[in-house]
Protein backbone atom coordinates (compact mmCIF):
# COMPACT_ATOMS: atom_id res chain seq x y z
CA MET A 1 -0.06 -0.14 0.04
CA LYS A 2 3.18 2.15 0.77
CA LYS A 3 4.26 1.81 -2.59
CA TYR A 4 1.11 2.60 -4.41
CA ALA A 5 0.64 5.80 -2.11
CA HIS A 6 3.96 6.82 -3.04
CA LYS A 7 3.30 6.77 -6.60
CA THR A 8 0.02 8.56 -6.43
CA MET A 9 1.74 11.30 -4.72
CA MET A 10 4.36 11.51 -7.34
CA LEU A 11 1.74 11.63 -10.05
CA LEU A 12 -0.14 14.44 -8.26
CA LEU A 13 2.78 16.44 -7.54
CA ILE A 14 3.82 16.19 -11.73
CA LEU A 15 0.49 16.89 -12.50
CA PHE A 16 0.47 20.13 -10.07
CA ILE A 17 3.89 21.27 -11.54
CA GLY A 18 2.64 20.92 -15.09
CA THR A 19 -0.67 22.58 -14.35
CA SER A 20 1.16 25.48 -12.66
CA PHE A 21 3.62 26.02 -15.69
CA ALA A 22 0.82 25.75 -17.99
CA HIS A 23 -0.97 28.44 -16.15
CA LYS A 24 2.11 30.53 -15.92
CA ASP A 25 2.32 30.33 -19.75
CA SER A 26 -1.24 31.43 -20.19
CA MET A 27 -0.61 34.30 -17.93
CA GLU A 28 2.36 35.37 -19.83
CA GLU A 29 0.58 35.12 -23.16
CA ARG A 30 -2.49 37.02 -21.66
CA PHE A 31 -0.23 39.94 -19.83
CA SER A 32 2.80 40.32 -21.88
CA PRO A 33 5.26 43.31 -20.87
CA GLU A 34 4.30 44.71 -24.36
CA ASP A 35 0.38 44.47 -23.48
CA ILE A 36 1.03 46.01 -20.28
CA GLN A 37 3.00 48.83 -21.72
CA ASP A 38 0.16 49.32 -24.47
CA THR A 39 -2.64 49.40 -22.17
CA ARG A 40 -1.40 52.12 -19.69
CA GLU A 41 -3.45 55.33 -19.59
CA PRO A 42 -1.01 58.44 -20.02
CA LYS A 43 -1.67 60.92 -17.10
CA ILE A 44 -4.08 63.62 -18.20
CA TYR A 45 -3.83 66.94 -16.44
CA SER A 46 -7.20 68.42 -16.56
CA ARG A 47 -6.73 71.89 -14.83
CA GLN A 48 -5.81 75.01 -16.46
CA PRO A 49 -2.26 75.43 -16.89
CA VAL A 50 -0.27 77.67 -14.31
CA VAL A 51 2.41 80.29 -14.78
CA LYS A 52 4.54 80.03 -12.00
CA ILE A 53 7.22 82.58 -11.28
CA ALA A 54 9.74 82.40 -8.57
CA LEU A 55 11.28 85.95 -8.00
CA LEU A 56 14.78 86.04 -6.76
CA LEU A 57 15.65 89.46 -5.67
CA ASP A 58 19.02 90.53 -4.25
CA THR A 59 18.40 92.64 -1.19
CA SER A 60 22.14 93.86 -0.42
CA ASN A 61 22.81 97.83 0.07
CA SER A 62 22.65 98.89 -3.37
CA MET A 63 19.33 97.11 -4.08
CA ASP A 64 16.70 99.71 -2.82
CA GLY A 65 15.75 100.53 -6.08
CA LEU A 66 15.14 97.07 -7.35
CA ILE A 67 12.88 96.41 -4.15
CA ASN A 68 10.79 99.66 -4.96
CA GLN A 69 10.36 98.80 -8.37
CA ALA A 70 9.18 95.22 -7.48
CA LYS A 71 6.81 96.71 -5.02
CA SER A 72 5.25 99.30 -7.42
CA GLN A 73 5.18 97.23 -10.66
CA LEU A 74 3.89 93.65 -9.23
CA TRP A 75 0.34 95.16 -9.97
CA ASP A 76 1.43 96.05 -13.55
CA ILE A 77 2.58 92.45 -14.21
CA VAL A 78 -0.72 90.93 -12.74
CA ASN A 79 -2.85 93.28 -14.70
CA GLN A 80 -1.16 92.00 -17.73
CA PHE A 81 -2.39 88.57 -17.29
CA ALA A 82 -6.12 89.62 -17.68
CA TYR A 83 -4.95 89.83 -21.40
CA ALA A 84 -3.48 86.13 -21.31
CA LYS A 85 -5.09 83.12 -22.76
CA CYS A 86 -4.71 79.52 -22.78
CA GLY A 87 -5.00 77.22 -26.05
CA ASN A 88 -8.37 76.28 -24.80
CA ASN A 89 -9.40 80.17 -24.36
CA SER A 90 -9.34 80.10 -20.70
CA ARG A 91 -7.24 82.27 -18.50
CA PRO A 92 -3.90 80.52 -17.22
CA GLY A 93 -3.28 80.44 -13.28
CA LEU A 94 -0.62 82.52 -11.90
CA GLN A 95 1.66 81.72 -8.66
CA ILE A 96 4.23 83.85 -7.47
CA ALA A 97 7.07 82.91 -5.20
CA LEU A 98 9.52 85.19 -3.26
CA TYR A 99 13.25 84.81 -2.41
CA GLN A 100 15.80 87.27 -0.93
CA TYR A 101 19.43 86.70 -1.12
CA GLY A 102 22.76 88.72 -0.40
CA ASN A 103 21.53 90.39 2.77
CA ASP A 104 23.66 90.33 5.87
CA ASP A 105 20.72 90.15 8.08
CA LEU A 106 19.99 86.42 6.82
CA ALA A 107 21.66 83.36 8.26
CA SER A 108 25.12 82.78 7.20
CA GLN A 109 24.92 79.05 7.15
CA GLU A 110 22.05 79.16 4.63
CA GLY A 111 24.19 81.36 2.15
CA TYR A 112 22.25 84.48 3.16
CA ILE A 113 19.45 83.11 1.33
CA GLN A 114 15.56 83.22 2.49
CA GLN A 115 12.50 81.79 0.94
CA VAL A 116 10.01 84.63 1.81
CA LEU A 117 7.02 82.92 0.36
CA GLY A 118 6.35 79.73 -1.67
CA PHE A 119 4.17 79.71 -4.35
CA SER A 120 1.07 81.55 -3.84
CA ASN A 121 -1.78 83.11 -5.70
CA ASP A 122 -2.70 85.45 -2.79
CA LEU A 123 -1.99 88.99 -4.03
CA ASP A 124 -2.32 90.32 -0.63
CA LYS A 125 0.42 88.03 0.95
CA ILE A 126 2.46 88.42 -1.94
CA SER A 127 2.25 92.55 -1.64
CA GLU A 128 3.20 92.11 2.13
CA LYS A 129 6.12 89.93 1.74
CA LEU A 130 7.34 92.45 -0.76
CA PHE A 131 6.92 95.23 1.60
CA SER A 132 8.58 93.57 4.34
CA LEU A 133 11.88 93.24 2.52
CA THR A 134 14.68 95.50 3.53
CA THR A 135 18.26 95.93 2.23
CA ASN A 136 21.59 95.39 4.06
CA GLY A 137 24.93 94.73 2.43
CA GLY A 138 26.10 91.00 2.10
CA GLU A 139 27.41 88.07 -0.19
CA GLU A 140 25.35 87.32 -3.37
CA TYR A 141 25.53 83.74 -4.07
CA CYS A 142 23.53 83.18 -7.48
CA GLY A 143 24.07 79.75 -7.87
CA GLU A 144 22.88 78.60 -4.46
CA VAL A 145 19.85 80.69 -4.45
CA ILE A 146 18.71 79.25 -7.62
CA HIS A 147 19.74 75.75 -6.57
CA GLN A 148 17.61 76.49 -3.24
CA SER A 149 14.33 77.58 -5.33
CA LEU A 150 14.54 74.34 -7.31
CA ARG A 151 14.73 72.28 -4.30
CA GLN A 152 12.26 73.91 -1.88
CA LEU A 153 9.60 75.11 -4.37
CA ASP A 154 6.89 72.63 -5.29
CA TRP A 155 7.23 73.09 -8.96
CA GLY A 156 4.51 70.55 -9.89
CA LYS A 157 4.89 67.94 -12.97
CA ASN A 158 2.16 69.08 -15.27
CA PRO A 159 4.11 69.64 -18.65
CA ASP A 160 1.44 72.61 -19.64
CA ASP A 161 2.75 74.85 -16.99
CA LEU A 162 5.10 77.67 -17.52
CA LYS A 163 7.80 77.50 -14.87
CA MET A 164 9.96 80.49 -14.63
CA ILE A 165 12.71 82.00 -12.48
CA PHE A 166 13.65 85.57 -12.39
CA ILE A 167 16.94 86.44 -10.46
CA ALA A 168 17.90 89.98 -10.13
CA GLY A 169 20.99 91.43 -8.73
CA ASN A 170 24.33 93.50 -9.49
CA GLU A 171 27.12 91.14 -8.30
CA PRO A 172 29.21 88.68 -10.45
CA PHE A 173 26.89 85.73 -11.14
CA THR A 174 30.08 83.26 -10.28
CA GLN A 175 29.94 84.22 -6.38
CA GLY A 176 29.46 81.34 -3.86
CA ARG A 177 30.46 77.59 -3.79
CA LYS A 178 27.81 76.37 -5.87
CA ASP A 179 28.44 76.62 -9.69
CA PHE A 180 25.70 78.63 -11.12
CA ARG A 181 26.41 76.56 -14.60
CA GLN A 182 25.14 73.14 -12.58
CA SER A 183 22.29 75.05 -10.90
CA VAL A 184 20.76 76.47 -14.51
CA LEU A 185 21.37 73.18 -16.11
CA ASN A 186 19.57 71.64 -13.48
CA ALA A 187 16.53 73.92 -13.84
CA LYS A 188 16.43 73.42 -17.33
CA GLU A 189 16.17 69.54 -16.91
CA LYS A 190 13.23 70.22 -14.66
CA ASP A 191 11.68 72.48 -17.31
CA VAL A 192 12.22 75.59 -15.37
CA ILE A 193 13.52 78.79 -17.29
CA VAL A 194 15.99 80.90 -15.81
CA ASN A 195 15.84 84.51 -16.65
CA THR A 196 18.46 86.76 -15.36
CA ILE A 197 18.08 90.66 -14.94
CA PHE A 198 21.29 92.48 -14.20
CA CYS A 199 21.01 95.83 -12.40
CA GLY A 200 23.74 97.92 -14.25
CA SER A 201 24.97 98.24 -17.90
CA TYR A 202 24.41 95.43 -20.46
CA ALA A 203 28.24 94.98 -21.06
CA GLN A 204 28.96 94.58 -17.43
CA GLY A 205 26.11 92.09 -17.16
CA ILE A 206 27.61 90.19 -19.79
CA ASN A 207 31.37 90.21 -18.45
CA THR A 208 29.91 89.00 -15.14
CA HIS A 209 28.32 85.89 -16.46
CA TRP A 210 24.82 87.03 -15.93
CA GLN A 211 24.06 86.60 -19.75
CA GLU A 212 25.53 83.06 -19.72
CA GLY A 213 23.26 82.23 -16.85
CA ALA A 214 20.34 82.80 -18.99
CA LEU A 215 21.59 81.25 -22.22
CA LEU A 216 22.32 77.90 -20.38
CA ALA A 217 18.87 77.84 -19.26
CA GLY A 218 17.23 78.99 -22.46
CA GLY A 219 16.08 82.18 -20.81
CA GLU A 220 16.26 85.78 -21.32
CA TYR A 221 19.19 88.16 -20.34
CA ILE A 222 18.08 91.72 -19.59
CA ALA A 223 20.01 94.77 -18.06
CA ILE A 224 18.07 97.41 -16.43
CA ASP A 225 18.62 100.80 -14.59
CA HIS A 226 17.05 99.81 -11.05
CA ASN A 227 17.32 103.05 -9.46
CA ARG A 228 15.42 104.69 -12.36
CA GLN A 229 12.16 106.43 -11.21
CA VAL A 230 8.97 105.91 -13.33
CA VAL A 231 7.21 109.26 -13.53
CA HIS A 232 3.44 108.61 -13.15
CA ILE A 233 1.11 110.86 -14.82
CA ASN A 234 -2.45 111.64 -13.10
CA THR A 235 -5.50 111.13 -14.84
CA PRO A 236 -9.26 112.13 -14.47
CA TYR A 237 -10.05 108.49 -13.54
CA ASP A 238 -7.55 107.81 -10.60
CA LYS A 239 -9.76 109.24 -7.75
CA ILE A 240 -12.77 107.37 -9.23
CA ILE A 241 -10.95 104.06 -9.29
CA ILE A 242 -9.71 104.70 -5.79
CA GLU A 243 -13.12 105.55 -4.59
CA LEU A 244 -14.64 102.48 -6.27
CA ASN A 245 -11.82 100.25 -4.35
CA ALA A 246 -13.00 101.65 -1.25
CA GLN A 247 -16.45 100.47 -1.81
CA LEU A 248 -15.24 97.07 -3.11
CA ASN A 249 -13.48 96.32 0.18
CA ASN A 250 -16.89 96.54 1.62
CA THR A 251 -18.09 93.42 -0.29
CA TYR A 252 -15.68 91.29 1.75
CA VAL A 253 -17.24 89.22 4.50
CA SER A 254 -14.59 87.53 6.80
CA TYR A 255 -14.85 84.17 8.46
CA GLY A 256 -12.73 81.65 10.07
CA ALA A 257 -9.62 82.05 12.59
CA ARG A 258 -7.72 84.36 10.23
CA GLY A 259 -10.87 86.30 8.55
CA VAL A 260 -10.50 89.74 10.81
CA SER A 261 -6.68 89.87 10.47
CA ARG A 262 -6.74 89.20 6.48
CA MET A 263 -9.45 91.58 6.09
CA ALA A 264 -7.02 94.03 7.89
CA MET A 265 -4.32 93.04 5.71
CA GLN A 266 -6.12 94.04 2.71
CA VAL A 267 -6.57 97.56 3.87
CA VAL A 268 -2.92 97.77 4.80
CA GLN A 269 -1.63 96.86 1.42
CA ASP A 270 -3.99 99.24 -0.25
CA ASP A 271 -2.33 101.76 2.13
CA GLU A 272 1.16 100.75 1.38
CA ALA A 273 0.38 101.11 -2.43
CA MET A 274 -0.83 104.55 -1.74
CA GLN A 275 1.94 105.55 0.47
CA LEU A 276 4.43 104.57 -2.78
CA GLU A 277 2.32 106.54 -4.87
CA GLU A 278 -1.57 107.16 -6.09
CA ALA A 279 -0.92 105.43 -9.19
CA VAL A 280 0.49 102.29 -7.94
CA ALA A 281 -2.68 101.99 -5.35
CA VAL A 282 -4.77 102.61 -8.68
CA LYS A 283 -3.02 99.56 -10.40
CA ARG A 284 -3.63 97.52 -7.26
CA ALA A 285 -7.28 98.35 -7.34
CA VAL A 286 -7.38 97.38 -10.76
CA SER A 287 -5.63 93.98 -9.83
CA LYS A 288 -8.53 93.47 -7.33
CA SER A 289 -11.13 93.82 -9.79
CA SER A 290 -9.67 90.99 -11.88
CA GLY A 291 -10.18 87.12 -11.74
CA TYR A 292 -6.72 86.75 -10.01
CA TYR A 293 -7.70 88.47 -6.78
CA LYS A 294 -9.32 85.81 -4.85
CA ASN A 295 -9.58 85.17 -1.19
CA ALA A 296 -11.74 82.22 -0.43
CA GLU A 297 -9.70 81.15 2.50
CA TRP A 298 -10.92 84.15 4.53
CA ASP A 299 -13.82 85.81 2.26
CA LEU A 300 -17.07 84.20 2.72
CA VAL A 301 -18.37 85.54 -0.87
CA ASP A 302 -15.28 83.89 -2.76
CA ALA A 303 -15.68 80.89 -0.43
CA SER A 304 -19.28 80.33 -1.49
CA SER A 305 -18.32 80.15 -5.07
CA GLU A 306 -16.02 77.18 -4.54
CA ASP A 307 -17.69 73.72 -5.78
CA ASP A 308 -17.23 72.40 -2.35
CA PHE A 309 -18.45 75.10 -0.19
CA ASP A 310 -20.66 74.01 2.70
CA LEU A 311 -22.04 76.80 4.90
CA GLY A 312 -22.94 74.35 7.51
CA LYS A 313 -19.25 73.67 8.24
CA VAL A 314 -18.62 77.50 8.90
CA LYS A 315 -18.09 78.11 12.47
CA LYS A 316 -21.07 81.00 13.23
CA GLU A 317 -18.90 82.37 15.94
CA THR A 318 -16.35 83.59 13.20
CA LEU A 319 -18.83 85.19 11.27
CA PRO A 320 -18.86 89.22 11.39
CA GLU A 321 -21.79 90.80 13.59
CA ALA A 322 -24.05 91.41 10.66
CA LEU A 323 -24.35 87.66 10.36
CA LYS A 324 -24.60 86.32 13.65
CA GLY A 325 -27.91 84.95 14.68
CA LYS A 326 -29.05 84.89 10.99
CA SER A 327 -30.38 81.57 9.37
CA GLU A 328 -28.72 80.00 6.34
CA VAL A 329 -31.15 81.27 4.19
CA GLN A 330 -30.57 84.70 5.44
CA ILE A 331 -26.54 84.41 5.12
CA LYS A 332 -26.92 82.94 1.71
CA LYS A 333 -29.15 85.62 0.52
CA TYR A 334 -26.64 88.38 2.14
CA LEU A 335 -23.91 86.56 0.26
CA THR A 336 -25.65 86.48 -3.17
CA ASP A 337 -26.31 90.25 -2.72
CA LYS A 338 -22.69 90.95 -1.64
CA LYS A 339 -21.32 89.04 -4.74
CA ALA A 340 -23.65 90.96 -7.11
CA GLU A 341 -22.46 94.44 -5.62
CA ARG A 342 -18.98 93.20 -6.02
CA GLN A 343 -19.26 92.21 -9.64
CA ARG A 344 -20.94 95.48 -10.34
CA ILE A 345 -18.08 97.58 -8.72
CA GLN A 346 -15.21 95.52 -10.38
CA LYS A 347 -17.13 96.13 -13.62
CA GLU A 348 -16.89 100.01 -13.02
CA ILE A 349 -13.47 99.61 -11.95
CA GLN A 350 -12.43 97.94 -15.30
CA GLU A 351 -14.44 100.35 -17.32
CA ALA A 352 -12.74 103.49 -15.54
CA ASN A 353 -9.35 101.64 -16.08
CA ALA A 354 -10.01 101.36 -19.73
CA LYS A 355 -10.66 105.07 -20.06
CA ARG A 356 -7.51 105.65 -18.01
CA GLU A 357 -5.49 103.73 -20.30
CA ALA A 358 -6.97 105.47 -23.37
CA TYR A 359 -6.11 108.74 -21.75
CA LEU A 360 -2.46 107.75 -20.92
CA ALA A 361 -2.20 106.51 -24.65
CA LYS A 362 -3.75 109.66 -26.09
CA ASN A 363 -1.20 111.69 -23.90
CA GLN A 364 1.69 109.56 -25.09
CA LYS A 365 2.89 108.55 -21.89
CA ASN A 366 4.43 105.34 -21.25
CA GLU A 367 4.57 104.39 -17.80
CA THR A 368 6.22 101.00 -18.26
CA GLY A 369 8.83 99.99 -15.33
CA GLU A 370 12.32 98.67 -15.92
CA LEU A 371 11.50 95.55 -14.02
CA GLU A 372 8.09 95.06 -15.40
CA GLN A 373 9.02 95.59 -18.68
CA ALA A 374 12.22 92.89 -18.33
CA MET A 375 9.85 90.32 -16.88
CA LEU A 376 6.74 90.71 -19.43
CA LYS A 377 9.20 90.45 -22.32
CA ALA A 378 10.36 87.25 -21.18
CA ILE A 379 7.01 86.01 -19.72
CA LYS A 380 5.19 86.47 -23.26
CA LYS A 381 8.12 85.29 -25.33
CA GLN A 382 8.43 82.00 -23.30
CA ALA A 383 4.58 81.68 -22.98
CA ALA A 384 4.35 80.52 -26.51
CA GLN A 385 6.17 77.51 -25.78
CA LYS A 386 3.14 76.50 -23.44
CA ASN A 387 0.56 77.57 -26.01
CA LEU A 388 -0.14 80.79 -24.24
CA TYR A 389 -0.61 83.91 -25.78
CA TRP A 390 -1.72 87.67 -25.24
CA GLU A 391 -4.74 89.14 -26.66
């Protein structure tokens, strides 16, 4: 019996092994590597393309003019995006990050470099961070600040995004232990274009390798007079726009833990712009009338326009006094009215600004600043590579 049992076990083992190999062969026929590769779905990015701009500013002693230009000309750049279009006729997104470098107040172990703000579409926050910058002499390490911005920022992987670095300064591009060539070539590998803005003469920027830095990364090299003052011309529409801006602020409804402080920041940034110059306050107001000024994190009107908005999840104790004790129906009616009022005011600002621009054109006044002109030239040229264009 043991002999027959042993033979039976051997036969069963052979049958099992044979069946396993047959099953394996069958699986390999059904799921060959070629078949698996062919059936993979390509990753599709359905959201709108985003223009990501990392602004790396030299904040050493000699750069006060550059910082002032950045503060005043930010709004011109944002306003130009109102005319930008994607291939599908929609507006691209816009995110801005901010670094400072070359300032003795910054940590030496970090290479005198600081990320002031990661990528953000919060225009008030971007403005606040720009106005917080001060200058103090130091060592300007261009290769290192480019490297840090590539490593620290969330550049994303959407091939349709336009990713750009603008680095501005006036010392040799070769300073520091990090070879700028390695940094800019690394940027190119990540589909990030490096544009260099030298604050000084065109020839000096070439001699100090600012042009080479741009050429290696497929970017633009531009020299500017960072101390040049833009002389603004007053128009009959400036006061109208500023008054409309005050009305616009009254359409915001704070909520959440940061609502009150963020509403206060909005007013502070209006005041900062006005202190620079009335024309800067006007341009900021125009930016606030555009689709790029969104504050869903603290404004209930913007938040209510989000697809996933749920009024029931908003803590009632964080609402302004005008809405406390109100029913959800009453609050929704209030928000609907505020939204309609805001859209009306924004439209009036845009109409007044169209008349203002026509007035400036008629008086042959070109208010384009040095930094703004340099950045817009590069942005518009490089946007064409991503099927973005200006109307």
